[in-house]
C-alpha atoms as a PDB file:
ATOM      1  CA  UNK A   1     -24.562 -21.411  50.341  1.00  0.00           C
ATOM      2  CA  UNK A   2     -25.905 -21.799  46.793  1.00  0.00           C
ATOM      3  CA  UNK A   3     -23.998 -20.654  43.738  1.00  0.00           C
ATOM      4  CA  UNK A   4     -26.488 -17.808  43.329  1.00  0.00           C
ATOM      5  CA  UNK A   5     -25.965 -16.636  46.921  1.00  0.00           C
ATOM      6  CA  UNK A   6     -22.228 -16.797  46.475  1.00  0.00           C
ATOM      7  CA  UNK A   7     -22.399 -14.677  43.330  1.00  0.00           C
ATOM      8  CA  UNK A   8     -24.553 -12.087  45.097  1.00  0.00           C
ATOM      9  CA  UNK A   9     -22.033 -11.899  47.914  1.00  0.00           C
ATOM     10  CA  UNK A  10     -19.232 -11.319  45.465  1.00  0.00           C
ATOM     11  CA  UNK A  11     -21.211  -8.566  43.768  1.00  0.00           C
ATOM     12  CA  UNK A  12     -21.874  -6.820  47.111  1.00  0.00           C
ATOM     13  CA  UNK A  13     -18.181  -7.076  47.991  1.00  0.00           C
ATOM     14  CA  UNK A  14     -17.242  -5.652  44.601  1.00  0.00           C
ATOM     15  CA  UNK A  15     -19.608  -2.707  45.100  1.00  0.00           C
ATOM     16  CA  UNK A  16     -18.162  -1.938  48.535  1.00  0.00           C
ATOM     17  CA  UNK A  17     -14.586  -2.108  47.258  1.00  0.00           C
ATOM     18  CA  UNK A  18     -15.498   0.124  44.334  1.00  0.00           C
ATOM     19  CA  UNK A  19     -17.125   2.725  46.587  1.00  0.00           C
ATOM     20  CA  UNK A  20     -14.092   2.760  48.868  1.00  0.00           C
ATOM     21  CA  UNK A  21     -11.788   3.239  45.882  1.00  0.00           C
ATOM     22  CA  UNK A  22     -13.908   6.115  44.523  1.00  0.00           C
ATOM     23  CA  UNK A  23     -14.011   7.762  47.956  1.00  0.00           C
ATOM     24  CA  UNK A  24     -10.230   7.497  48.204  1.00  0.00           C
ATOM     25  CA  UNK A  25      -9.669   9.077  44.790  1.00  0.00           C
ATOM     26  CA  UNK A  26     -12.025  11.960  45.587  1.00  0.00           C
ATOM     27  CA  UNK A  27     -10.317  12.546  48.911  1.00  0.00           C
ATOM     28  CA  UNK A  28      -6.786  12.555  47.458  1.00  0.00           C
ATOM     29  CA  UNK A  29      -7.668  14.828  44.541  1.00  0.00           C
ATOM     30  CA  UNK A  30      -9.458  17.314  46.765  1.00  0.00           C
ATOM     31  CA  UNK A  31     -12.810  16.877  45.055  1.00  0.00           C
ATOM     32  CA  UNK A  32     -14.384  15.688  48.268  1.00  0.00           C
ATOM     33  CA  UNK A  33     -14.810  18.728  50.471  1.00  0.00           C
ATOM     34  CA  UNK A  34     -16.445  19.616  53.729  1.00  0.00           C
ATOM     35  CA  UNK A  35     -18.951  22.446  53.562  1.00  0.00           C
ATOM     36  CA  UNK A  36     -18.293  25.108  56.219  1.00  0.00           C
ATOM     37  CA  UNK A  37     -20.484  28.003  57.264  1.00  0.00           C
ATOM     38  CA  UNK A  38     -19.746  31.349  55.585  1.00  0.00           C
ATOM     39  CA  UNK A  39     -16.958  33.175  57.392  1.00  0.00           C
ATOM     40  CA  UNK A  40     -15.065  30.048  58.409  1.00  0.00           C
ATOM     41  CA  UNK A  41     -13.366  29.309  55.088  1.00  0.00           C
ATOM     42  CA  UNK A  42      -9.658  30.144  54.998  1.00  0.00           C
ATOM     43  CA  UNK A  43      -7.928  31.610  51.969  1.00  0.00           C
ATOM     44  CA  UNK A  44      -5.603  29.399  49.927  1.00  0.00           C
ATOM     45  CA  UNK A  45      -2.665  31.584  50.966  1.00  0.00           C
ATOM     46  CA  UNK A  46      -3.484  31.019  54.612  1.00  0.00           C
ATOM     47  CA  UNK A  47      -3.820  27.273  54.202  1.00  0.00           C
ATOM     48  CA  UNK A  48      -0.580  26.980  52.238  1.00  0.00           C
ATOM     49  CA  UNK A  49       1.117  29.093  54.878  1.00  0.00           C
ATOM     50  CA  UNK A  50       0.235  26.673  57.641  1.00  0.00           C
ATOM     51  CA  UNK A  51      -2.737  28.715  58.785  1.00  0.00           C
ATOM     52  CA  UNK A  52      -1.086  32.113  58.445  1.00  0.00           C
ATOM     53  CA  UNK A  53      -0.696  34.009  55.196  1.00  0.00           C
ATOM     54  CA  UNK A  54       3.018  34.453  54.454  1.00  0.00           C
ATOM     55  CA  UNK A  55       4.235  37.363  52.344  1.00  0.00           C
ATOM     56  CA  UNK A  56       7.664  36.447  50.969  1.00  0.00           C
ATOM     57  CA  UNK A  57       8.135  39.876  49.391  1.00  0.00           C
ATOM     58  CA  UNK A  58       7.430  41.633  52.674  1.00  0.00           C
ATOM     59  CA  UNK A  59       9.817  39.299  54.490  1.00  0.00           C
ATOM     60  CA  UNK A  60      12.699  39.930  52.066  1.00  0.00           C
ATOM     61  CA  UNK A  61      11.939  43.668  52.148  1.00  0.00           C
ATOM     62  CA  UNK A  62      12.411  43.551  55.910  1.00  0.00           C
ATOM     63  CA  UNK A  63      15.900  42.013  55.730  1.00  0.00           C
ATOM     64  CA  UNK A  64      17.408  43.013  52.385  1.00  0.00           C
ATOM     65  CA  UNK A  65      18.889  46.414  53.261  1.00  0.00           C
ATOM     66  CA  UNK A  66      19.146  45.964  57.004  1.00  0.00           C
ATOM     67  CA  UNK A  67      20.681  42.489  57.128  1.00  0.00           C
ATOM     68  CA  UNK A  68      21.434  40.836  53.776  1.00  0.00           C
ATOM     69  CA  UNK A  69      23.600  43.539  52.203  1.00  0.00           C
ATOM     70  CA  UNK A  70      25.557  44.370  55.398  1.00  0.00           C
ATOM     71  CA  UNK A  71      26.189  40.653  56.033  1.00  0.00           C
ATOM     72  CA  UNK A  72      27.455  40.137  52.501  1.00  0.00           C
ATOM     73  CA  UNK A  73      29.684  43.195  52.777  1.00  0.00           C
ATOM     74  CA  UNK A  74      31.168  42.204  56.131  1.00  0.00           C
ATOM     75  CA  UNK A  75      31.426  38.430  55.930  1.00  0.00           C
ATOM     76  CA  UNK A  76      32.290  37.538  52.333  1.00  0.00           C
ATOM     77  CA  UNK A  77      35.553  35.636  52.006  1.00  0.00           C
ATOM     78  CA  UNK A  78      37.855  36.111  49.046  1.00  0.00           C
ATOM     79  CA  UNK A  79      37.190  33.360  46.517  1.00  0.00           C
ATOM     80  CA  UNK A  80      40.904  32.634  46.064  1.00  0.00           C
ATOM     81  CA  UNK A  81      41.346  32.103  49.809  1.00  0.00           C
ATOM     82  CA  UNK A  82      38.234  29.905  50.031  1.00  0.00           C
ATOM     83  CA  UNK A  83      39.189  27.657  47.113  1.00  0.00           C
ATOM     84  CA  UNK A  84      42.686  27.212  48.537  1.00  0.00           C
ATOM     85  CA  UNK A  85      41.246  26.334  51.955  1.00  0.00           C
ATOM     86  CA  UNK A  86      38.788  23.845  50.439  1.00  0.00           C
ATOM     87  CA  UNK A  87      41.605  22.165  48.520  1.00  0.00           C
ATOM     88  CA  UNK A  88      43.742  21.793  51.662  1.00  0.00           C
ATOM     89  CA  UNK A  89      41.069  20.691  54.153  1.00  0.00           C
ATOM     90  CA  UNK A  90      37.448  20.709  52.953  1.00  0.00           C
ATOM     91  CA  UNK A  91      35.895  19.783  56.295  1.00  0.00           C
ATOM     92  CA  UNK A  92      37.753  22.480  58.211  1.00  0.00           C
ATOM     93  CA  UNK A  93      37.112  25.141  55.543  1.00  0.00           C
ATOM     94  CA  UNK A  94      33.395  24.338  55.469  1.00  0.00           C
ATOM     95  CA  UNK A  95      33.054  24.681  59.226  1.00  0.00           C
ATOM     96  CA  UNK A  96      35.073  27.897  59.373  1.00  0.00           C
ATOM     97  CA  UNK A  97      33.602  29.782  56.445  1.00  0.00           C
ATOM     98  CA  UNK A  98      30.389  28.042  55.412  1.00  0.00           C
ATOM     99  CA  UNK A  99      26.819  27.491  56.510  1.00  0.00           C
ATOM    100  CA  UNK A 100      25.343  24.000  56.382  1.00  0.00           C
ATOM    101  CA  UNK A 101      21.802  23.329  55.159  1.00  0.00           C
ATOM    102  CA  UNK A 102      20.958  19.662  54.927  1.00  0.00           C
ATOM    103  CA  UNK A 103      24.649  18.759  55.108  1.00  0.00           C
ATOM    104  CA  UNK A 104      25.597  20.934  52.102  1.00  0.00           C
ATOM    105  CA  UNK A 105      27.741  24.010  52.688  1.00  0.00           C
ATOM    106  CA  UNK A 106      27.225  27.427  51.124  1.00  0.00           C
ATOM    107  CA  UNK A 107      29.539  30.442  51.368  1.00  0.00           C
ATOM    108  CA  UNK A 108      29.480  34.191  50.913  1.00  0.00           C
ATOM    109  CA  UNK A 109      32.322  35.023  48.537  1.00  0.00           C
ATOM    110  CA  UNK A 110      33.879  38.035  46.858  1.00  0.00           C
ATOM    111  CA  UNK A 111      36.097  38.269  43.774  1.00  0.00           C
ATOM    112  CA  UNK A 112      37.025  40.391  40.787  1.00  0.00           C
ATOM    113  CA  UNK A 113      37.816  39.236  37.284  1.00  0.00           C
ATOM    114  CA  UNK A 114      37.418  39.737  33.562  1.00  0.00           C
ATOM    115  CA  UNK A 115      34.294  38.651  31.715  1.00  0.00           C
ATOM    116  CA  UNK A 116      35.252  36.267  28.909  1.00  0.00           C
ATOM    117  CA  UNK A 117      31.782  35.199  27.812  1.00  0.00           C
ATOM    118  CA  UNK A 118      28.162  36.317  28.181  1.00  0.00           C
ATOM    119  CA  UNK A 119      25.732  33.463  27.566  1.00  0.00           C
ATOM    120  CA  UNK A 120      22.102  34.512  27.094  1.00  0.00           C
ATOM    121  CA  UNK A 121      21.138  31.649  24.767  1.00  0.00           C
ATOM    122  CA  UNK A 122      18.760  30.264  27.413  1.00  0.00           C
ATOM    123  CA  UNK A 123      16.808  31.760  30.336  1.00  0.00           C
ATOM    124  CA  UNK A 124      19.560  30.311  32.562  1.00  0.00           C
ATOM    125  CA  UNK A 125      21.943  33.073  31.527  1.00  0.00           C
ATOM    126  CA  UNK A 126      25.480  33.252  32.860  1.00  0.00           C
ATOM    127  CA  UNK A 127      28.778  35.086  32.713  1.00  0.00           C
ATOM    128  CA  UNK A 128      32.098  33.299  32.479  1.00  0.00           C
ATOM    129  CA  UNK A 129      34.655  35.250  34.504  1.00  0.00           C
ATOM    130  CA  UNK A 130      38.419  34.671  34.696  1.00  0.00           C
ATOM    131  CA  UNK A 131      39.441  35.113  38.328  1.00  0.00           C
ATOM    132  CA  UNK A 132      43.121  35.150  39.413  1.00  0.00           C
ATOM    133  CA  UNK A 133      43.904  32.180  41.637  1.00  0.00           C
ATOM    134  CA  UNK A 134      47.444  31.380  42.811  1.00  0.00           C
ATOM    135  CA  UNK A 135      49.081  32.599  39.642  1.00  0.00           C
ATOM    136  CA  UNK A 136      46.531  30.994  37.322  1.00  0.00           C
ATOM    137  CA  UNK A 137      43.052  31.863  36.137  1.00  0.00           C
ATOM    138  CA  UNK A 138      39.984  30.169  37.576  1.00  0.00           C
ATOM    139  CA  UNK A 139      36.916  30.234  35.291  1.00  0.00           C
ATOM    140  CA  UNK A 140      33.916  31.149  37.437  1.00  0.00           C
ATOM    141  CA  UNK A 141      30.325  30.993  36.230  1.00  0.00           C
ATOM    142  CA  UNK A 142      28.061  33.776  37.491  1.00  0.00           C
ATOM    143  CA  UNK A 143      24.298  33.383  37.165  1.00  0.00           C
ATOM    144  CA  UNK A 144      22.575  36.326  35.457  1.00  0.00           C
ATOM    145  CA  UNK A 145      19.146  34.850  34.751  1.00  0.00           C
ATOM    146  CA  UNK A 146      16.469  35.841  34.108  1.00  0.00           C
ATOM    147  CA  UNK A 147      15.947  32.408  35.687  1.00  0.00           C
ATOM    148  CA  UNK A 148      18.252  31.912  38.654  1.00  0.00           C
ATOM    149  CA  UNK A 149      18.510  28.387  40.006  1.00  0.00           C
ATOM    150  CA  UNK A 150      19.262  27.146  43.478  1.00  0.00           C
ATOM    151  CA  UNK A 151      19.057  28.345  47.056  1.00  0.00           C
ATOM    152  CA  UNK A 152      22.660  29.517  47.513  1.00  0.00           C
ATOM    153  CA  UNK A 153      21.810  33.028  48.722  1.00  0.00           C
ATOM    154  CA  UNK A 154      19.377  31.850  51.377  1.00  0.00           C
ATOM    155  CA  UNK A 155      21.623  28.999  52.460  1.00  0.00           C
ATOM    156  CA  UNK A 156      24.760  31.152  52.761  1.00  0.00           C
ATOM    157  CA  UNK A 157      23.016  33.586  55.137  1.00  0.00           C
ATOM    158  CA  UNK A 158      23.451  32.155  58.618  1.00  0.00           C
ATOM    159  CA  UNK A 159      20.665  34.273  60.105  1.00  0.00           C
ATOM    160  CA  UNK A 160      18.032  32.479  57.988  1.00  0.00           C
ATOM    161  CA  UNK A 161      17.050  28.989  59.130  1.00  0.00           C
ATOM    162  CA  UNK A 162      14.187  26.592  58.503  1.00  0.00           C
ATOM    163  CA  UNK A 163      13.080  26.815  62.133  1.00  0.00           C
ATOM    164  CA  UNK A 164      11.963  30.424  61.585  1.00  0.00           C
ATOM    165  CA  UNK A 165       9.190  29.316  59.215  1.00  0.00           C
ATOM    166  CA  UNK A 166       6.038  27.261  59.492  1.00  0.00           C
ATOM    167  CA  UNK A 167       6.792  24.868  56.675  1.00  0.00           C
ATOM    168  CA  UNK A 168       9.020  24.005  53.729  1.00  0.00           C
ATOM    169  CA  UNK A 169       6.904  26.053  51.322  1.00  0.00           C
ATOM    170  CA  UNK A 170       7.582  29.287  53.215  1.00  0.00           C
ATOM    171  CA  UNK A 171      11.283  28.451  53.531  1.00  0.00           C
ATOM    172  CA  UNK A 172      11.517  27.683  49.826  1.00  0.00           C
ATOM    173  CA  UNK A 173       9.642  30.838  48.824  1.00  0.00           C
ATOM    174  CA  UNK A 174      12.239  32.948  50.651  1.00  0.00           C
ATOM    175  CA  UNK A 175      15.003  31.463  48.476  1.00  0.00           C
ATOM    176  CA  UNK A 176      12.976  32.218  45.353  1.00  0.00           C
ATOM    177  CA  UNK A 177      12.323  35.802  46.409  1.00  0.00           C
ATOM    178  CA  UNK A 178      15.989  36.441  47.243  1.00  0.00           C
ATOM    179  CA  UNK A 179      16.886  35.285  43.739  1.00  0.00           C
ATOM    180  CA  UNK A 180      14.145  37.485  42.280  1.00  0.00           C
ATOM    181  CA  UNK A 181      15.406  40.487  44.240  1.00  0.00           C
ATOM    182  CA  UNK A 182      18.875  40.091  42.725  1.00  0.00           C
ATOM    183  CA  UNK A 183      17.395  39.806  39.248  1.00  0.00           C
ATOM    184  CA  UNK A 184      15.256  42.929  39.701  1.00  0.00           C
ATOM    185  CA  UNK A 185      17.672  45.164  41.616  1.00  0.00           C
ATOM    186  CA  UNK A 186      21.058  44.134  40.218  1.00  0.00           C
ATOM    187  CA  UNK A 187      21.081  42.007  37.092  1.00  0.00           C
ATOM    188  CA  UNK A 188      18.313  43.742  35.148  1.00  0.00           C
ATOM    189  CA  UNK A 189      20.431  46.928  35.137  1.00  0.00           C
ATOM    190  CA  UNK A 190      23.449  45.352  33.427  1.00  0.00           C
ATOM    191  CA  UNK A 191      24.254  46.138  29.805  1.00  0.00           C
ATOM    192  CA  UNK A 192      25.036  42.563  28.807  1.00  0.00           C
ATOM    193  CA  UNK A 193      25.887  43.473  25.218  1.00  0.00           C
ATOM    194  CA  UNK A 194      28.947  45.461  26.292  1.00  0.00           C
ATOM    195  CA  UNK A 195      30.078  43.323  29.224  1.00  0.00           C
ATOM    196  CA  UNK A 196      32.510  40.961  27.474  1.00  0.00           C
ATOM    197  CA  UNK A 197      36.088  41.977  28.167  1.00  0.00           C
ATOM    198  CA  UNK A 198      35.205  44.209  31.093  1.00  0.00           C
ATOM    199  CA  UNK A 199      36.372  43.724  34.654  1.00  0.00           C
ATOM    200  CA  UNK A 200      33.690  43.178  37.276  1.00  0.00           C
ATOM    201  CA  UNK A 201      33.551  42.871  41.048  1.00  0.00           C
ATOM    202  CA  UNK A 202      31.145  40.364  42.557  1.00  0.00           C
ATOM    203  CA  UNK A 203      29.934  39.521  46.029  1.00  0.00           C
ATOM    204  CA  UNK A 204      27.615  36.564  46.147  1.00  0.00           C
ATOM    205  CA  UNK A 205      26.856  33.031  47.263  1.00  0.00           C
ATOM    206  CA  UNK A 206      28.487  29.755  46.272  1.00  0.00           C
ATOM    207  CA  UNK A 207      27.362  26.232  47.187  1.00  0.00           C
ATOM    208  CA  UNK A 208      30.183  23.671  47.354  1.00  0.00           C
ATOM    209  CA  UNK A 209      29.376  20.412  45.557  1.00  0.00           C
ATOM    210  CA  UNK A 210      31.552  18.497  48.008  1.00  0.00           C
ATOM    211  CA  UNK A 211      33.985  17.241  45.382  1.00  0.00           C
ATOM    212  CA  UNK A 212      35.670  19.897  43.242  1.00  0.00           C
ATOM    213  CA  UNK A 213      36.442  23.273  44.885  1.00  0.00           C
ATOM    214  CA  UNK A 214      37.224  24.743  41.471  1.00  0.00           C
ATOM    215  CA  UNK A 215      33.762  24.025  40.101  1.00  0.00           C
ATOM    216  CA  UNK A 216      32.423  27.433  41.134  1.00  0.00           C
ATOM    217  CA  UNK A 217      28.965  28.736  40.265  1.00  0.00           C
ATOM    218  CA  UNK A 218      28.124  32.007  42.009  1.00  0.00           C
ATOM    219  CA  UNK A 219      24.755  33.636  42.492  1.00  0.00           C
ATOM    220  CA  UNK A 220      25.607  37.343  42.716  1.00  0.00           C
ATOM    221  CA  UNK A 221      24.161  39.618  45.381  1.00  0.00           C
ATOM    222  CA  UNK A 222      26.091  42.713  44.316  1.00  0.00           C
ATOM    223  CA  UNK A 223      27.847  43.186  40.971  1.00  0.00           C
ATOM    224  CA  UNK A 224      29.815  46.229  39.858  1.00  0.00           C
ATOM    225  CA  UNK A 225      31.459  46.935  36.533  1.00  0.00           C
ATOM    226  CA  UNK A 226      34.962  48.321  37.042  1.00  0.00           C
END
């Protein structure tokens, strides 16, 4: 093969490689689409829902009053008893009182205490509550939003499991909506400016970090001012 023929072969190879690379980029970014006849195109909600549109608000509506609140009322364990049990035997306490999601345990807990601080300096607002624990005071942080982090509520409810949903997006959206429901129905009604020094009662969810039972951050489900 002459030098000229070799160069032409290299050029052709370069063109083919370039076209393959462009095709790959278009495919991954979604710019390369298949045209379907009218009437066969699915909505984005349906596609993201695994082929079926999923309404997270409707789902939480269907369980909030009938299942979530009764479960919290009936199955919450006193925070003092739970912390003591976790300190004595974490594995046994987790199995007896908790619900495992991905190997991490969450619990439904109840407690009462005095609010020592209201922090609204960021959207991740919180209350610091002194809770009596074996003759001492345990400082507990209670999320008050408006941004509530984590999946503690969903994960502490044993009747909700990943297998009930089509994909991780649906499962995750349920956790988000449960947090939003607490913000709308419970936390938005609090008078935060007058809460410091008052005694409150809380029932909510707590996810154990696996190391320190006294590092307690609770996402409230019900909150009453005494």
